[in-house]
Amino acid sequence: MPKKRLIFVLLHLNGQFCISRNFRLQKVGNADWLKRNYNFSKVSRFIDELVILNVESDGIDQKRFLATASSIASEVFVPVALGGAIRDFRDAETYFHNGADKVVVNTLLWQNPAVVRQIANVYGEQALMASVDYRGLEGPRTPLLRGGESPAAAALAPWLSHVASLGVGEILLNSVDRDGTGMGLDLPVFELVPRDIHLPFVMMGGVGRTDHFQPGMELPQVSGVATSNLFAFIGKGLSDSRAALLDANMNMASWA
């Protein structure tokens, strides 16, 4: 049985790292700030994967993002996924050449699905994570495009089926309404996931406490739970979360 994963996400905007609430971003500091306040060589002992996302709307300053991401990735000892502003195959190729073990795609899923298939064919499904943002907590959930700005034409269930057909290795399912609230994960969303989708899911949106990880990881479709909550997990947050999960006999890697 595949191990469950605790995943940490960094959001990068115009040279600064950000915290996010309902996809509204607030800059908190650059890479130097992050390194002064966050020892990533130590943090990597408590996470299974690091995701670094370029959340610039135009994605123009890709070189700065990649330089920052490469610098951070060089200090960790876990797989690193890079995403954001991937507009074509060459962008994905550049991310792989700059230290990405996998790439994360979102807008490309609807803008150019043929490129998504090309990435999967060249680098393998395991190197491709599809990011699906959605709104709605009661009743229907609506998938969103372009960083949460506009709704997709399809409802969530058919959109997930479309994404799964593109050859991706896993789906990052991110609740905009829960994002940054620290109120816990949107667990009922999995009642809407089509049963014929056999891809692993990563849940994101709402983790703010140590006890928020386990309910998501206990879902059979979920292979990992991600958080981008910088402030809640500076200090012992990630180490305490992993220790609690292992104490609960969660099927996770242990390096003790």
Protein backbone atom coordinates (compact mmCIF):
# COMPACT_ATOMS: atom_id res chain seq x y z
CA MET A 1 0.00 0.00 0.00
CA PRO A 2 1.48 3.41 -0.96
CA LYS A 3 2.65 5.56 1.93
CA LYS A 4 0.64 8.62 2.90
CA ARG A 5 2.43 11.96 2.45
CA LEU A 6 2.64 15.20 4.40
CA ILE A 7 3.29 17.93 1.82
CA PHE A 8 4.37 21.51 2.32
CA VAL A 9 3.60 24.22 -0.24
CA LEU A 10 5.34 27.56 -0.80
CA LEU A 11 3.67 30.34 -2.81
CA HIS A 12 6.04 32.68 -4.68
CA LEU A 13 4.94 36.05 -6.07
CA ASN A 14 7.32 38.59 -7.65
CA GLY A 15 10.30 37.61 -5.53
CA GLN A 16 8.31 37.28 -2.29
CA PHE A 17 6.73 34.35 -0.50
CA CYS A 18 3.10 34.71 0.45
CA ILE A 19 0.39 33.51 2.73
CA SER A 20 -3.03 33.01 1.19
CA ARG A 21 -6.60 33.22 2.43
CA ASN A 22 -9.34 32.37 -0.06
CA PHE A 23 -6.70 32.96 -2.75
CA ARG A 24 -6.04 36.53 -1.59
CA LEU A 25 -2.29 36.80 -1.21
CA GLN A 26 -0.21 38.65 1.35
CA LYS A 27 3.55 38.90 0.91
CA VAL A 28 5.61 37.96 3.97
CA GLY A 29 9.24 37.92 2.82
CA ASN A 30 11.81 36.95 0.21
CA ALA A 31 14.07 33.89 0.09
CA ASP A 32 16.50 35.42 2.61
CA TRP A 33 13.62 36.03 5.01
CA LEU A 34 12.44 32.47 4.52
CA LYS A 35 15.87 31.01 5.20
CA ARG A 36 16.35 33.15 8.31
CA ASN A 37 13.01 32.08 9.72
CA TYR A 38 12.69 28.61 8.27
CA ASN A 39 15.54 26.08 8.29
CA PHE A 40 14.56 23.97 5.29
CA SER A 41 17.31 21.41 5.76
CA LYS A 42 15.63 20.71 9.11
CA VAL A 43 12.06 21.01 7.82
CA SER A 44 12.71 18.40 5.14
CA ARG A 45 13.04 15.77 7.87
CA PHE A 46 9.34 16.12 8.65
CA ILE A 47 7.73 16.39 5.21
CA ASP A 48 7.49 13.94 2.33
CA GLU A 49 7.40 16.47 -0.47
CA LEU A 50 7.89 20.18 -1.09
CA VAL A 51 5.78 22.05 -3.66
CA ILE A 52 6.84 25.54 -4.82
CA LEU A 53 4.29 27.43 -6.92
CA ASN A 54 4.83 30.56 -8.98
CA VAL A 55 1.55 32.45 -8.46
CA GLU A 56 2.35 35.45 -10.69
CA SER A 57 -0.64 36.05 -12.93
CA ASP A 58 1.51 36.72 -16.00
CA GLY A 59 4.43 34.43 -15.14
CA ILE A 60 6.83 36.81 -16.88
CA ASP A 61 9.64 36.72 -14.32
CA GLN A 62 10.19 32.99 -14.54
CA LYS A 63 13.98 33.28 -14.14
CA ARG A 64 13.66 34.83 -10.69
CA PHE A 65 11.19 32.16 -9.61
CA LEU A 66 13.41 29.35 -10.85
CA ALA A 67 16.52 30.81 -9.21
CA THR A 68 14.70 31.05 -5.90
CA ALA A 69 13.13 27.60 -6.22
CA SER A 70 16.47 26.00 -7.14
CA SER A 71 18.14 27.64 -4.14
CA ILE A 72 15.50 26.28 -1.76
CA ALA A 73 15.36 22.85 -3.41
CA SER A 74 19.13 22.47 -2.97
CA GLU A 75 18.64 22.55 0.81
CA VAL A 76 16.01 19.81 1.09
CA PHE A 77 16.19 16.05 0.78
CA VAL A 78 12.66 15.27 -0.38
CA PRO A 79 11.04 15.33 -3.83
CA VAL A 80 10.32 18.84 -5.10
CA ALA A 81 7.41 19.80 -7.36
CA LEU A 82 7.43 23.12 -9.21
CA GLY A 83 4.40 24.73 -10.80
CA GLY A 84 2.75 27.90 -11.97
CA ALA A 85 3.02 29.74 -15.29
CA ILE A 86 3.61 26.57 -17.30
CA ARG A 87 2.26 27.57 -20.70
CA ASP A 88 3.89 25.01 -22.99
CA PHE A 89 6.13 21.95 -23.04
CA ARG A 90 9.28 24.07 -23.00
CA ASP A 91 8.26 25.67 -19.69
CA ALA A 92 7.78 22.24 -18.13
CA GLU A 93 11.12 21.12 -19.53
CA THR A 94 12.78 24.17 -17.98
CA TYR A 95 11.28 23.33 -14.58
CA PHE A 96 12.63 19.79 -14.77
CA HIS A 97 16.06 21.12 -15.71
CA ASN A 98 15.96 23.37 -12.64
CA GLY A 99 15.48 20.66 -10.05
CA ALA A 100 11.82 19.66 -10.31
CA ASP A 101 11.05 16.00 -9.67
CA LYS A 102 7.54 16.72 -10.93
CA VAL A 103 5.62 19.69 -12.31
CA VAL A 104 2.22 21.04 -11.28
CA VAL A 105 -0.18 22.21 -14.00
CA ASN A 106 -3.49 24.01 -13.69
CA THR A 107 -4.43 26.44 -16.49
CA LEU A 108 -2.77 24.12 -19.01
CA LEU A 109 -5.38 21.45 -18.21
CA TRP A 110 -8.02 23.39 -20.15
CA GLN A 111 -5.89 25.76 -22.22
CA ASN A 112 -3.78 23.08 -23.92
CA PRO A 113 -4.51 19.50 -22.77
CA ALA A 114 -2.35 18.13 -25.60
CA VAL A 115 0.71 19.60 -23.89
CA VAL A 116 -0.33 17.91 -20.63
CA ARG A 117 -0.37 14.57 -22.45
CA GLN A 118 3.02 15.39 -24.01
CA ILE A 119 4.58 16.05 -20.60
CA ALA A 120 3.18 12.76 -19.30
CA ASN A 121 4.46 10.86 -22.35
CA VAL A 122 7.98 12.26 -22.09
CA TYR A 123 8.51 12.40 -18.33
CA GLY A 124 5.99 9.83 -17.09
CA GLU A 125 2.71 10.18 -15.25
CA GLN A 126 4.49 10.13 -11.88
CA ALA A 127 6.14 13.45 -12.82
CA LEU A 128 2.88 15.30 -13.40
CA MET A 129 0.48 16.70 -10.79
CA ALA A 130 -2.80 18.30 -11.86
CA SER A 131 -3.99 21.15 -9.65
CA VAL A 132 -7.76 21.62 -9.43
CA ASP A 133 -9.08 24.61 -7.48
CA TYR A 134 -12.76 24.75 -6.60
CA ARG A 135 -15.37 26.74 -4.70
CA GLY A 136 -18.37 25.59 -2.73
CA LEU A 137 -18.85 23.91 0.63
CA GLU A 138 -22.58 23.25 0.71
CA GLY A 139 -24.13 21.70 -2.36
CA PRO A 140 -22.38 21.87 -5.77
CA ARG A 141 -18.66 22.51 -6.04
CA THR A 142 -17.45 24.57 -9.01
CA PRO A 143 -13.95 24.12 -10.46
CA LEU A 144 -12.10 27.37 -11.07
CA LEU A 145 -9.58 28.36 -13.72
CA ARG A 146 -6.75 30.87 -13.90
CA GLY A 147 -5.82 30.99 -10.24
CA GLY A 148 -9.40 30.87 -9.04
CA GLU A 149 -10.61 33.77 -11.15
CA SER A 150 -13.27 32.15 -13.31
CA PRO A 151 -15.43 29.02 -13.24
CA ALA A 152 -14.92 26.14 -15.60
CA ALA A 153 -17.74 25.16 -17.93
CA ALA A 154 -18.14 21.78 -16.23
CA ALA A 155 -19.16 20.90 -12.70
CA LEU A 156 -16.48 19.40 -10.46
CA ALA A 157 -17.18 15.71 -11.15
CA PRO A 158 -16.95 15.84 -14.98
CA TRP A 159 -13.99 18.22 -14.74
CA LEU A 160 -12.11 15.71 -12.57
CA SER A 161 -12.92 12.97 -15.08
CA HIS A 162 -11.51 15.15 -17.87
CA VAL A 163 -8.34 15.88 -15.88
CA ALA A 164 -7.86 12.20 -15.05
CA SER A 165 -8.02 11.34 -18.77
CA LEU A 166 -4.98 13.50 -19.60
CA GLY A 167 -2.36 11.13 -18.21
CA VAL A 168 -1.58 12.94 -14.98
CA GLY A 169 -0.19 10.98 -12.03
CA GLU A 170 -2.19 12.61 -9.24
CA ILE A 171 -4.64 15.42 -8.57
CA LEU A 172 -4.15 18.24 -6.08
CA LEU A 173 -7.66 19.18 -4.96
CA ASN A 174 -7.65 22.64 -3.39
CA SER A 175 -10.64 24.28 -1.69
CA VAL A 176 -10.64 28.06 -2.24
CA ASP A 177 -13.22 28.54 0.51
CA ARG A 178 -11.08 26.68 3.05
CA ASP A 179 -7.78 28.15 1.85
CA GLY A 180 -5.94 29.86 4.70
CA THR A 181 -8.84 29.59 7.14
CA GLY A 182 -7.31 26.93 9.37
CA MET A 183 -10.78 25.41 9.70
CA GLY A 184 -9.89 21.94 8.47
CA LEU A 185 -10.23 20.11 5.16
CA ASP A 186 -13.35 19.87 3.00
CA LEU A 187 -13.76 16.12 3.52
CA PRO A 188 -17.28 15.82 1.98
CA VAL A 189 -15.90 16.81 -1.44
CA PHE A 190 -14.99 13.17 -2.00
CA GLU A 191 -18.67 12.30 -2.20
CA LEU A 192 -18.54 14.09 -5.59
CA VAL A 193 -15.41 12.40 -6.96
CA PRO A 194 -16.34 9.87 -9.67
CA ARG A 195 -15.70 6.31 -8.50
CA ASP A 196 -14.01 5.37 -11.77
CA ILE A 197 -11.12 7.76 -11.07
CA HIS A 198 -8.35 5.65 -9.59
CA LEU A 199 -5.70 8.35 -9.36
CA PRO A 200 -4.36 9.37 -5.95
CA PHE A 201 -5.53 12.73 -4.62
CA VAL A 202 -3.73 15.31 -2.52
CA MET A 203 -6.03 17.49 -0.38
CA MET A 204 -5.29 21.13 0.30
CA GLY A 205 -7.12 24.04 1.87
CA GLY A 206 -7.92 24.47 5.55
CA VAL A 207 -5.07 22.78 7.43
CA GLY A 208 -4.19 24.97 10.40
CA ARG A 209 -3.62 22.52 13.24
CA THR A 210 -1.79 19.26 13.81
CA ASP A 211 -5.04 17.29 14.02
CA HIS A 212 -6.25 18.48 10.60
CA PHE A 213 -4.00 16.10 8.63
CA GLN A 214 -5.28 12.73 9.82
CA PRO A 215 -8.95 12.94 8.69
CA GLY A 216 -7.81 13.62 5.12
CA MET A 217 -5.16 10.92 5.10
CA GLU A 218 -7.65 8.36 6.34
CA LEU A 219 -9.70 8.71 3.14
CA PRO A 220 -8.78 5.82 0.80
CA GLN A 221 -8.55 8.07 -2.29
CA VAL A 222 -6.13 10.47 -0.58
CA SER A 223 -2.40 9.86 -0.81
CA GLY A 224 -1.36 13.09 0.84
CA VAL A 225 -2.44 16.27 2.60
CA ALA A 226 -0.79 19.60 1.78
CA THR A 227 -0.57 22.87 3.65
CA SER A 228 0.85 26.27 2.73
CA ASN A 229 0.16 27.70 6.19
CA LEU A 230 3.54 29.33 6.87
CA PHE A 231 2.80 30.89 10.22
CA ALA A 232 1.06 27.88 11.75
CA PHE A 233 3.97 25.61 10.91
CA ILE A 234 6.98 27.75 11.74
CA GLY A 235 8.59 26.16 14.76
CA LYS A 236 7.53 22.63 15.69
CA GLY A 237 4.29 22.51 13.73
CA LEU A 238 5.44 20.10 11.03
CA SER A 239 7.48 17.88 13.36
CA ASP A 240 4.59 17.65 15.83
CA SER A 241 2.15 16.90 13.00
CA ARG A 242 4.26 14.05 11.66
CA ALA A 243 4.82 12.64 15.14
CA ALA A 244 1.07 12.68 15.80
CA LEU A 245 0.36 10.90 12.52
CA LEU A 246 2.94 8.20 13.22
CA ASP A 247 1.59 7.78 16.76
CA ALA A 248 -1.83 7.20 15.17
CA ASN A 249 -0.28 4.39 13.08
CA MET A 250 -0.75 6.28 9.83
CA ASN A 251 0.95 4.47 6.94
CA MET A 252 3.82 6.95 6.51
CA ALA A 253 7.55 6.73 6.02
CA SER A 254 9.50 6.84 9.27
CA TRP A 255 13.14 7.84 9.44
CA ALA A 256 13.62 7.25 13.16
